[in-house]
């Protein structure tokens, strides 16, 4: 059985943060998890590859993105929507 979308996203973020997936909570910010801006970009690239999607995130101007990176839950919800839209 394949992982669900949420578990796959959490695994990618946890790998980037060098944490166990169960340490990543939905209300945590990227900073809480220990991911800096470069780590966030790497995580987004990994998510794009994992799901074959394009994430509307501009690392140079994150505040102008339609992609909410405020918490792990908001990142997961946004990726789940992109994956659903693709299907």
C-alpha atoms as a PDB file:
ATOM      1  CA  UNK A   1       0.000   0.000   0.000  1.00  0.00           C
ATOM      2  CA  UNK A   2       1.388   3.395  -0.935  1.00  0.00           C
ATOM      3  CA  UNK A   3       1.658   6.250   1.545  1.00  0.00           C
ATOM      4  CA  UNK A   4      -1.060   8.820   1.429  1.00  0.00           C
ATOM      5  CA  UNK A   5      -0.199  12.309   0.215  1.00  0.00           C
ATOM      6  CA  UNK A   6       0.054  13.778   3.721  1.00  0.00           C
ATOM      7  CA  UNK A   7       2.459  11.092   4.959  1.00  0.00           C
ATOM      8  CA  UNK A   8       4.659  11.526   1.880  1.00  0.00           C
ATOM      9  CA  UNK A   9       4.828  15.307   2.349  1.00  0.00           C
ATOM     10  CA  UNK A  10       5.632  14.940   6.053  1.00  0.00           C
ATOM     11  CA  UNK A  11       8.380  12.423   5.223  1.00  0.00           C
ATOM     12  CA  UNK A  12       9.951  14.871   2.735  1.00  0.00           C
ATOM     13  CA  UNK A  13       9.845  17.730   5.255  1.00  0.00           C
ATOM     14  CA  UNK A  14      11.130  15.523   8.076  1.00  0.00           C
ATOM     15  CA  UNK A  15      14.025  14.332   5.882  1.00  0.00           C
ATOM     16  CA  UNK A  16      14.944  17.929   5.109  1.00  0.00           C
ATOM     17  CA  UNK A  17      14.763  18.882   8.798  1.00  0.00           C
ATOM     18  CA  UNK A  18      16.598  15.707   9.898  1.00  0.00           C
ATOM     19  CA  UNK A  19      13.660  14.744  12.131  1.00  0.00           C
ATOM     20  CA  UNK A  20      11.482  11.670  12.447  1.00  0.00           C
ATOM     21  CA  UNK A  21       8.138  12.122  10.640  1.00  0.00           C
ATOM     22  CA  UNK A  22       6.207  11.834  13.926  1.00  0.00           C
ATOM     23  CA  UNK A  23       8.080  14.909  15.209  1.00  0.00           C
ATOM     24  CA  UNK A  24       6.518  17.081  12.479  1.00  0.00           C
ATOM     25  CA  UNK A  25       3.227  18.575  13.709  1.00  0.00           C
ATOM     26  CA  UNK A  26       0.683  20.357  11.519  1.00  0.00           C
ATOM     27  CA  UNK A  27       0.740  23.577  13.550  1.00  0.00           C
ATOM     28  CA  UNK A  28       4.550  23.929  13.327  1.00  0.00           C
ATOM     29  CA  UNK A  29       6.094  26.612  11.145  1.00  0.00           C
ATOM     30  CA  UNK A  30       9.059  25.786   8.898  1.00  0.00           C
ATOM     31  CA  UNK A  31      11.235  27.541  11.507  1.00  0.00           C
ATOM     32  CA  UNK A  32       9.767  25.364  14.289  1.00  0.00           C
ATOM     33  CA  UNK A  33      10.757  22.292  12.317  1.00  0.00           C
ATOM     34  CA  UNK A  34      14.231  23.710  11.740  1.00  0.00           C
ATOM     35  CA  UNK A  35      13.945  24.455   8.032  1.00  0.00           C
ATOM     36  CA  UNK A  36      15.497  27.679   6.759  1.00  0.00           C
ATOM     37  CA  UNK A  37      14.624  29.347   3.456  1.00  0.00           C
ATOM     38  CA  UNK A  38      17.047  27.157   1.489  1.00  0.00           C
ATOM     39  CA  UNK A  39      15.677  24.048   3.175  1.00  0.00           C
ATOM     40  CA  UNK A  40      12.165  25.158   2.304  1.00  0.00           C
ATOM     41  CA  UNK A  41      13.116  25.541  -1.359  1.00  0.00           C
ATOM     42  CA  UNK A  42      14.697  22.064  -1.308  1.00  0.00           C
ATOM     43  CA  UNK A  43      11.564  20.644   0.315  1.00  0.00           C
ATOM     44  CA  UNK A  44       9.349  22.248  -2.322  1.00  0.00           C
ATOM     45  CA  UNK A  45      11.545  20.878  -5.135  1.00  0.00           C
ATOM     46  CA  UNK A  46      11.341  17.413  -3.547  1.00  0.00           C
ATOM     47  CA  UNK A  47       7.545  17.702  -3.240  1.00  0.00           C
ATOM     48  CA  UNK A  48       7.287  18.774  -6.895  1.00  0.00           C
ATOM     49  CA  UNK A  49       9.324  15.737  -7.944  1.00  0.00           C
ATOM     50  CA  UNK A  50       7.455  13.337  -5.646  1.00  0.00           C
ATOM     51  CA  UNK A  51       4.026  14.309  -6.983  1.00  0.00           C
ATOM     52  CA  UNK A  52       4.956  15.577 -10.473  1.00  0.00           C
ATOM     53  CA  UNK A  53       3.351  18.958  -9.757  1.00  0.00           C
ATOM     54  CA  UNK A  54       4.398  22.579 -10.008  1.00  0.00           C
ATOM     55  CA  UNK A  55       4.217  24.485  -6.729  1.00  0.00           C
ATOM     56  CA  UNK A  56       3.416  28.210  -7.176  1.00  0.00           C
ATOM     57  CA  UNK A  57       6.143  29.389  -4.823  1.00  0.00           C
ATOM     58  CA  UNK A  58       8.653  32.141  -5.499  1.00  0.00           C
ATOM     59  CA  UNK A  59      11.543  31.788  -3.068  1.00  0.00           C
ATOM     60  CA  UNK A  60      12.653  35.352  -3.796  1.00  0.00           C
ATOM     61  CA  UNK A  61       9.224  36.758  -2.916  1.00  0.00           C
ATOM     62  CA  UNK A  62       7.432  34.182  -0.725  1.00  0.00           C
ATOM     63  CA  UNK A  63       4.917  36.748   0.479  1.00  0.00           C
ATOM     64  CA  UNK A  64       3.695  37.170  -3.118  1.00  0.00           C
ATOM     65  CA  UNK A  65       3.119  33.444  -3.609  1.00  0.00           C
ATOM     66  CA  UNK A  66      -0.327  31.860  -3.671  1.00  0.00           C
ATOM     67  CA  UNK A  67       1.295  29.010  -1.748  1.00  0.00           C
ATOM     68  CA  UNK A  68       0.809  29.301   2.031  1.00  0.00           C
ATOM     69  CA  UNK A  69       4.002  28.266   3.844  1.00  0.00           C
ATOM     70  CA  UNK A  70       2.983  29.533   7.287  1.00  0.00           C
ATOM     71  CA  UNK A  71       2.570  26.077   8.855  1.00  0.00           C
ATOM     72  CA  UNK A  72       3.123  22.419   7.981  1.00  0.00           C
ATOM     73  CA  UNK A  73      -0.670  22.020   7.830  1.00  0.00           C
ATOM     74  CA  UNK A  74      -1.047  24.857   5.328  1.00  0.00           C
ATOM     75  CA  UNK A  75       1.773  23.448   3.166  1.00  0.00           C
ATOM     76  CA  UNK A  76       0.166  19.992   3.233  1.00  0.00           C
ATOM     77  CA  UNK A  77      -3.297  21.387   2.419  1.00  0.00           C
ATOM     78  CA  UNK A  78      -1.906  23.392  -0.516  1.00  0.00           C
ATOM     79  CA  UNK A  79      -0.007  20.380  -1.909  1.00  0.00           C
ATOM     80  CA  UNK A  80      -3.045  18.114  -1.449  1.00  0.00           C
ATOM     81  CA  UNK A  81      -5.086  20.628  -3.480  1.00  0.00           C
ATOM     82  CA  UNK A  82      -2.443  20.727  -6.240  1.00  0.00           C
ATOM     83  CA  UNK A  83      -2.333  16.916  -6.350  1.00  0.00           C
ATOM     84  CA  UNK A  84      -6.152  16.708  -6.460  1.00  0.00           C
ATOM     85  CA  UNK A  85      -6.317  19.375  -9.202  1.00  0.00           C
ATOM     86  CA  UNK A  86      -3.776  17.394 -11.239  1.00  0.00           C
ATOM     87  CA  UNK A  87      -5.841  14.193 -10.931  1.00  0.00           C
END
